[in-house]
Amino acid sequence: MKRVHFLVCATLAICVILGAALGERTTALFEQPILLTSAGQSADVQLASVLIKKAGLNCTLVKTATEKDLEGHKTLVLVLGASLKGLGAAGLDTNKEENRLNALLKAAESEGIPLFCLHLGGAERRGQTTDEIVNAYLPHAKLLVMVKSGNQDGLFTKICSENSIPLIEVEKTIETMEPIKKAFK
């Protein structure tokens, strides 16, 4: 009987601890309205806009946002993922995109606007240019929500661990909507 009682108590304790840890992962960290932009000009930014709006959040999408677009916004969301086709269509190359993002992040930091990162493209959106973007901008984030298949090599886990950034991984892109919603007040 004591053994059964111990097992029940131990199981309940584990459930409480896991529940608290999962709850902390999605505690509201951010405020609206949101400025949503691309870091790499992939089409994933359009998908992020749909998911954020379906979550009922107030979001403005500016694919090539600059520091002047921050006005009136309380959170900056970067969708991490490079597309050479998207960069070309936006009239950008990797250097221009890097300069735009550096200026945007500097302005956001000086105005106290937190950064929330998304990686929605999974393994298909990875590559040298995306990895350079991830290495440059993810360390500034307060939270990362991503599709798990994009983290097969552990790059995102490593950066998040080194910078104390909460990381939420989901199996499918549509599953990012709930943690995104919970991240906002």
C-alpha atoms as a PDB file:
ATOM      1  CA  MET A   1       0.000   0.000   0.000  1.00  0.00           C
ATOM      2  CA  LYS A   2       2.842   2.400   0.838  1.00  0.00           C
ATOM      3  CA  ARG A   3       4.406   1.637  -2.525  1.00  0.00           C
ATOM      4  CA  VAL A   4       1.177   2.476  -4.395  1.00  0.00           C
ATOM      5  CA  HIS A   5       0.807   5.692  -2.376  1.00  0.00           C
ATOM      6  CA  PHE A   6       4.406   6.663  -3.199  1.00  0.00           C
ATOM      7  CA  LEU A   7       3.895   5.977  -6.928  1.00  0.00           C
ATOM      8  CA  VAL A   8       0.697   8.036  -7.005  1.00  0.00           C
ATOM      9  CA  CYS A   9       2.365  10.946  -5.187  1.00  0.00           C
ATOM     10  CA  ALA A  10       5.447  10.773  -7.397  1.00  0.00           C
ATOM     11  CA  THR A  11       3.300  10.722 -10.552  1.00  0.00           C
ATOM     12  CA  LEU A  12       1.265  13.698  -9.359  1.00  0.00           C
ATOM     13  CA  ALA A  13       4.430  15.631  -8.499  1.00  0.00           C
ATOM     14  CA  ILE A  14       5.875  14.989 -11.948  1.00  0.00           C
ATOM     15  CA  CYS A  15       2.607  16.122 -13.584  1.00  0.00           C
ATOM     16  CA  VAL A  16       2.572  19.328 -11.528  1.00  0.00           C
ATOM     17  CA  ILE A  17       6.208  20.081 -12.364  1.00  0.00           C
ATOM     18  CA  LEU A  18       5.719  19.370 -16.076  1.00  0.00           C
ATOM     19  CA  GLY A  19       2.518  21.395 -16.148  1.00  0.00           C
ATOM     20  CA  ALA A  20       4.249  24.350 -14.514  1.00  0.00           C
ATOM     21  CA  ALA A  21       7.173  24.125 -16.921  1.00  0.00           C
ATOM     22  CA  LEU A  22       4.884  23.973 -19.934  1.00  0.00           C
ATOM     23  CA  GLY A  23       2.819  26.839 -18.593  1.00  0.00           C
ATOM     24  CA  GLU A  24       5.934  28.982 -18.113  1.00  0.00           C
ATOM     25  CA  ARG A  25       6.945  28.352 -21.707  1.00  0.00           C
ATOM     26  CA  THR A  26       3.842  30.087 -22.964  1.00  0.00           C
ATOM     27  CA  THR A  27       3.439  32.826 -20.369  1.00  0.00           C
ATOM     28  CA  ALA A  28       2.486  36.161 -21.918  1.00  0.00           C
ATOM     29  CA  LEU A  29       5.736  38.005 -22.534  1.00  0.00           C
ATOM     30  CA  PHE A  30       4.687  40.450 -25.213  1.00  0.00           C
ATOM     31  CA  GLU A  31       2.190  43.225 -25.869  1.00  0.00           C
ATOM     32  CA  GLN A  32       0.255  44.259 -28.935  1.00  0.00           C
ATOM     33  CA  PRO A  33       0.262  45.777 -31.501  1.00  0.00           C
ATOM     34  CA  ILE A  34       2.807  43.683 -33.366  1.00  0.00           C
ATOM     35  CA  LEU A  35       5.112  44.712 -36.197  1.00  0.00           C
ATOM     36  CA  LEU A  36       5.774  41.594 -38.285  1.00  0.00           C
ATOM     37  CA  THR A  37       8.639  41.489 -40.763  1.00  0.00           C
ATOM     38  CA  SER A  38      10.827  39.028 -42.595  1.00  0.00           C
ATOM     39  CA  ALA A  39      14.450  38.283 -41.855  1.00  0.00           C
ATOM     40  CA  GLY A  40      15.488  36.886 -45.218  1.00  0.00           C
ATOM     41  CA  GLN A  41      12.381  37.642 -47.302  1.00  0.00           C
ATOM     42  CA  SER A  42      10.954  34.107 -47.380  1.00  0.00           C
ATOM     43  CA  ALA A  43       7.265  33.554 -48.083  1.00  0.00           C
ATOM     44  CA  ASP A  44       6.970  32.264 -44.491  1.00  0.00           C
ATOM     45  CA  VAL A  45       6.261  35.835 -43.371  1.00  0.00           C
ATOM     46  CA  GLN A  46       2.872  35.692 -45.175  1.00  0.00           C
ATOM     47  CA  LEU A  47       2.045  32.461 -43.382  1.00  0.00           C
ATOM     48  CA  ALA A  48       3.045  34.038 -40.063  1.00  0.00           C
ATOM     49  CA  SER A  49       0.719  36.971 -40.759  1.00  0.00           C
ATOM     50  CA  VAL A  50      -2.212  34.612 -41.325  1.00  0.00           C
ATOM     51  CA  LEU A  51      -1.447  32.608 -38.161  1.00  0.00           C
ATOM     52  CA  ILE A  52      -1.065  35.727 -36.008  1.00  0.00           C
ATOM     53  CA  LYS A  53      -4.311  37.225 -37.294  1.00  0.00           C
ATOM     54  CA  LYS A  54      -6.145  33.885 -36.850  1.00  0.00           C
ATOM     55  CA  ALA A  55      -4.897  33.954 -33.254  1.00  0.00           C
ATOM     56  CA  GLY A  56      -6.829  37.225 -32.879  1.00  0.00           C
ATOM     57  CA  LEU A  57      -3.759  39.419 -32.436  1.00  0.00           C
ATOM     58  CA  ASN A  58      -3.285  42.982 -33.707  1.00  0.00           C
ATOM     59  CA  CYS A  59      -0.524  42.735 -36.303  1.00  0.00           C
ATOM     60  CA  THR A  60       0.918  44.910 -39.061  1.00  0.00           C
ATOM     61  CA  LEU A  61       2.914  43.127 -41.762  1.00  0.00           C
ATOM     62  CA  VAL A  62       5.711  45.133 -43.383  1.00  0.00           C
ATOM     63  CA  LYS A  63       7.961  42.688 -45.244  1.00  0.00           C
ATOM     64  CA  THR A  64      10.870  45.126 -45.407  1.00  0.00           C
ATOM     65  CA  ALA A  65      10.195  47.053 -42.200  1.00  0.00           C
ATOM     66  CA  THR A  66      12.580  49.790 -41.161  1.00  0.00           C
ATOM     67  CA  GLU A  67      13.007  51.634 -37.880  1.00  0.00           C
ATOM     68  CA  LYS A  68      10.278  54.160 -38.806  1.00  0.00           C
ATOM     69  CA  ASP A  69       7.754  51.286 -38.982  1.00  0.00           C
ATOM     70  CA  LEU A  70       8.282  50.556 -35.269  1.00  0.00           C
ATOM     71  CA  GLU A  71       6.240  53.605 -34.292  1.00  0.00           C
ATOM     72  CA  GLY A  72       3.123  52.608 -32.389  1.00  0.00           C
ATOM     73  CA  HIS A  73       4.162  48.953 -32.032  1.00  0.00           C
ATOM     74  CA  LYS A  74       5.020  47.157 -28.805  1.00  0.00           C
ATOM     75  CA  THR A  75       6.548  43.930 -30.180  1.00  0.00           C
ATOM     76  CA  LEU A  76       8.728  43.126 -33.173  1.00  0.00           C
ATOM     77  CA  VAL A  77       8.254  39.669 -34.694  1.00  0.00           C
ATOM     78  CA  LEU A  78      10.949  38.429 -37.077  1.00  0.00           C
ATOM     79  CA  VAL A  79      10.266  35.457 -39.318  1.00  0.00           C
ATOM     80  CA  LEU A  80      13.658  33.809 -39.788  1.00  0.00           C
ATOM     81  CA  GLY A  81      14.196  32.256 -43.195  1.00  0.00           C
ATOM     82  CA  ALA A  82      16.070  33.281 -46.312  1.00  0.00           C
ATOM     83  CA  SER A  83      14.862  33.113 -49.883  1.00  0.00           C
ATOM     84  CA  LEU A  84      17.149  34.376 -52.632  1.00  0.00           C
ATOM     85  CA  LYS A  85      14.086  34.690 -54.876  1.00  0.00           C
ATOM     86  CA  GLY A  86      12.298  36.714 -52.183  1.00  0.00           C
ATOM     87  CA  LEU A  87      15.310  38.938 -51.627  1.00  0.00           C
ATOM     88  CA  GLY A  88      15.510  39.632 -55.359  1.00  0.00           C
ATOM     89  CA  ALA A  89      11.797  40.388 -55.589  1.00  0.00           C
ATOM     90  CA  ALA A  90      12.172  42.876 -52.721  1.00  0.00           C
ATOM     91  CA  GLY A  91      15.112  44.535 -54.506  1.00  0.00           C
ATOM     92  CA  LEU A  92      17.507  43.399 -51.805  1.00  0.00           C
ATOM     93  CA  ASP A  93      20.674  41.354 -51.580  1.00  0.00           C
ATOM     94  CA  THR A  94      21.981  39.736 -48.419  1.00  0.00           C
ATOM     95  CA  ASN A  95      24.050  42.830 -47.495  1.00  0.00           C
ATOM     96  CA  LYS A  96      21.091  45.209 -47.848  1.00  0.00           C
ATOM     97  CA  GLU A  97      18.882  42.824 -45.846  1.00  0.00           C
ATOM     98  CA  GLU A  98      21.527  42.605 -43.122  1.00  0.00           C
ATOM     99  CA  ASN A  99      21.846  46.401 -42.958  1.00  0.00           C
ATOM    100  CA  ARG A 100      18.048  46.789 -42.780  1.00  0.00           C
ATOM    101  CA  LEU A 101      17.742  44.230 -39.999  1.00  0.00           C
ATOM    102  CA  ASN A 102      20.668  45.630 -37.999  1.00  0.00           C
ATOM    103  CA  ALA A 103      19.153  49.120 -38.069  1.00  0.00           C
ATOM    104  CA  LEU A 104      15.693  47.748 -37.206  1.00  0.00           C
ATOM    105  CA  LEU A 105      16.948  45.730 -34.231  1.00  0.00           C
ATOM    106  CA  LYS A 106      19.075  48.606 -32.956  1.00  0.00           C
ATOM    107  CA  ALA A 107      16.043  50.909 -33.043  1.00  0.00           C
ATOM    108  CA  ALA A 108      13.798  48.293 -31.401  1.00  0.00           C
ATOM    109  CA  GLU A 109      16.315  47.752 -28.602  1.00  0.00           C
ATOM    110  CA  SER A 110      16.718  51.497 -28.011  1.00  0.00           C
ATOM    111  CA  GLU A 111      12.926  51.890 -27.815  1.00  0.00           C
ATOM    112  CA  GLY A 112      12.513  48.893 -25.507  1.00  0.00           C
ATOM    113  CA  ILE A 113      10.558  46.881 -28.072  1.00  0.00           C
ATOM    114  CA  PRO A 114      11.145  43.152 -27.482  1.00  0.00           C
ATOM    115  CA  LEU A 115      11.937  40.691 -30.261  1.00  0.00           C
ATOM    116  CA  PHE A 116       9.940  37.500 -30.829  1.00  0.00           C
ATOM    117  CA  CYS A 117      11.288  35.111 -33.494  1.00  0.00           C
ATOM    118  CA  LEU A 118       9.497  32.520 -35.601  1.00  0.00           C
ATOM    119  CA  HIS A 119      10.938  29.831 -37.850  1.00  0.00           C
ATOM    120  CA  LEU A 120       8.086  28.252 -39.796  1.00  0.00           C
ATOM    121  CA  GLY A 121       9.800  26.709 -42.825  1.00  0.00           C
ATOM    122  CA  GLY A 122      11.183  23.625 -41.139  1.00  0.00           C
ATOM    123  CA  ALA A 123      14.118  21.772 -42.687  1.00  0.00           C
ATOM    124  CA  GLU A 124      13.237  23.052 -46.169  1.00  0.00           C
ATOM    125  CA  ARG A 125      13.935  26.654 -45.121  1.00  0.00           C
ATOM    126  CA  ARG A 126      17.408  25.895 -43.743  1.00  0.00           C
ATOM    127  CA  GLY A 127      20.619  26.640 -45.607  1.00  0.00           C
ATOM    128  CA  GLN A 128      23.715  28.804 -45.294  1.00  0.00           C
ATOM    129  CA  THR A 129      21.912  32.146 -45.680  1.00  0.00           C
ATOM    130  CA  THR A 130      19.151  31.205 -43.234  1.00  0.00           C
ATOM    131  CA  ASP A 131      21.727  29.936 -40.751  1.00  0.00           C
ATOM    132  CA  GLU A 132      23.616  33.236 -40.976  1.00  0.00           C
ATOM    133  CA  ILE A 133      20.372  35.088 -40.246  1.00  0.00           C
ATOM    134  CA  VAL A 134      19.561  32.785 -37.334  1.00  0.00           C
ATOM    135  CA  ASN A 135      23.035  33.234 -35.841  1.00  0.00           C
ATOM    136  CA  ALA A 136      22.869  37.024 -36.218  1.00  0.00           C
ATOM    137  CA  TYR A 137      19.352  37.793 -34.958  1.00  0.00           C
ATOM    138  CA  LEU A 138      18.017  34.951 -32.815  1.00  0.00           C
ATOM    139  CA  PRO A 139      20.352  35.814 -29.887  1.00  0.00           C
ATOM    140  CA  HIS A 140      18.388  39.087 -29.467  1.00  0.00           C
ATOM    141  CA  ALA A 141      15.013  37.332 -29.081  1.00  0.00           C
ATOM    142  CA  LYS A 142      12.951  36.923 -25.938  1.00  0.00           C
ATOM    143  CA  LEU A 143      11.173  33.826 -27.370  1.00  0.00           C
ATOM    144  CA  LEU A 144      11.418  31.465 -30.344  1.00  0.00           C
ATOM    145  CA  VAL A 145       8.520  29.422 -31.694  1.00  0.00           C
ATOM    146  CA  MET A 146       9.444  27.062 -34.491  1.00  0.00           C
ATOM    147  CA  VAL A 147       8.631  23.987 -36.516  1.00  0.00           C
ATOM    148  CA  LYS A 148      10.710  21.200 -34.999  1.00  0.00           C
ATOM    149  CA  SER A 149      12.019  19.771 -38.292  1.00  0.00           C
ATOM    150  CA  GLY A 150      14.073  22.944 -38.782  1.00  0.00           C
ATOM    151  CA  ASN A 151      16.111  22.136 -35.681  1.00  0.00           C
ATOM    152  CA  GLN A 152      17.423  18.692 -36.615  1.00  0.00           C
ATOM    153  CA  ASP A 153      21.031  19.816 -36.186  1.00  0.00           C
ATOM    154  CA  GLY A 154      20.293  21.571 -32.871  1.00  0.00           C
ATOM    155  CA  LEU A 155      21.338  25.053 -34.072  1.00  0.00           C
ATOM    156  CA  PHE A 156      18.256  26.733 -32.595  1.00  0.00           C
ATOM    157  CA  THR A 157      18.542  24.789 -29.330  1.00  0.00           C
ATOM    158  CA  LYS A 158      22.204  25.789 -28.994  1.00  0.00           C
ATOM    159  CA  ILE A 159      21.552  29.506 -29.584  1.00  0.00           C
ATOM    160  CA  CYS A 160      18.513  29.539 -27.303  1.00  0.00           C
ATOM    161  CA  SER A 161      20.374  27.692 -24.556  1.00  0.00           C
ATOM    162  CA  GLU A 162      23.408  30.005 -24.749  1.00  0.00           C
ATOM    163  CA  ASN A 163      21.189  33.104 -24.580  1.00  0.00           C
ATOM    164  CA  SER A 164      18.495  31.894 -22.131  1.00  0.00           C
ATOM    165  CA  ILE A 165      15.782  32.166 -24.783  1.00  0.00           C
ATOM    166  CA  PRO A 166      12.683  30.021 -24.292  1.00  0.00           C
ATOM    167  CA  LEU A 167      12.259  27.676 -27.264  1.00  0.00           C
ATOM    168  CA  ILE A 168       8.912  26.196 -28.233  1.00  0.00           C
ATOM    169  CA  GLU A 169       8.962  23.537 -30.939  1.00  0.00           C
ATOM    170  CA  VAL A 170       5.874  22.174 -32.667  1.00  0.00           C
ATOM    171  CA  GLU A 171       5.446  19.438 -35.258  1.00  0.00           C
ATOM    172  CA  LYS A 172       3.347  21.353 -37.789  1.00  0.00           C
ATOM    173  CA  THR A 173       3.242  25.007 -38.802  1.00  0.00           C
ATOM    174  CA  ILE A 174      -0.443  25.371 -37.843  1.00  0.00           C
ATOM    175  CA  GLU A 175       0.487  24.307 -34.293  1.00  0.00           C
ATOM    176  CA  THR A 176       2.516  27.510 -33.843  1.00  0.00           C
ATOM    177  CA  MET A 177      -0.702  29.511 -33.543  1.00  0.00           C
ATOM    178  CA  GLU A 178      -1.463  28.503 -29.942  1.00  0.00           C
ATOM    179  CA  PRO A 179       1.964  29.347 -28.439  1.00  0.00           C
ATOM    180  CA  ILE A 180       1.992  32.592 -30.419  1.00  0.00           C
ATOM    181  CA  LYS A 181      -1.392  33.511 -28.968  1.00  0.00           C
ATOM    182  CA  LYS A 182      -0.325  32.620 -25.418  1.00  0.00           C
ATOM    183  CA  ALA A 183       2.847  34.725 -25.725  1.00  0.00           C
ATOM    184  CA  PHE A 184       0.781  37.942 -25.896  1.00  0.00           C
ATOM    185  CA  LYS A 185      -1.155  39.774 -23.186  1.00  0.00           C
END
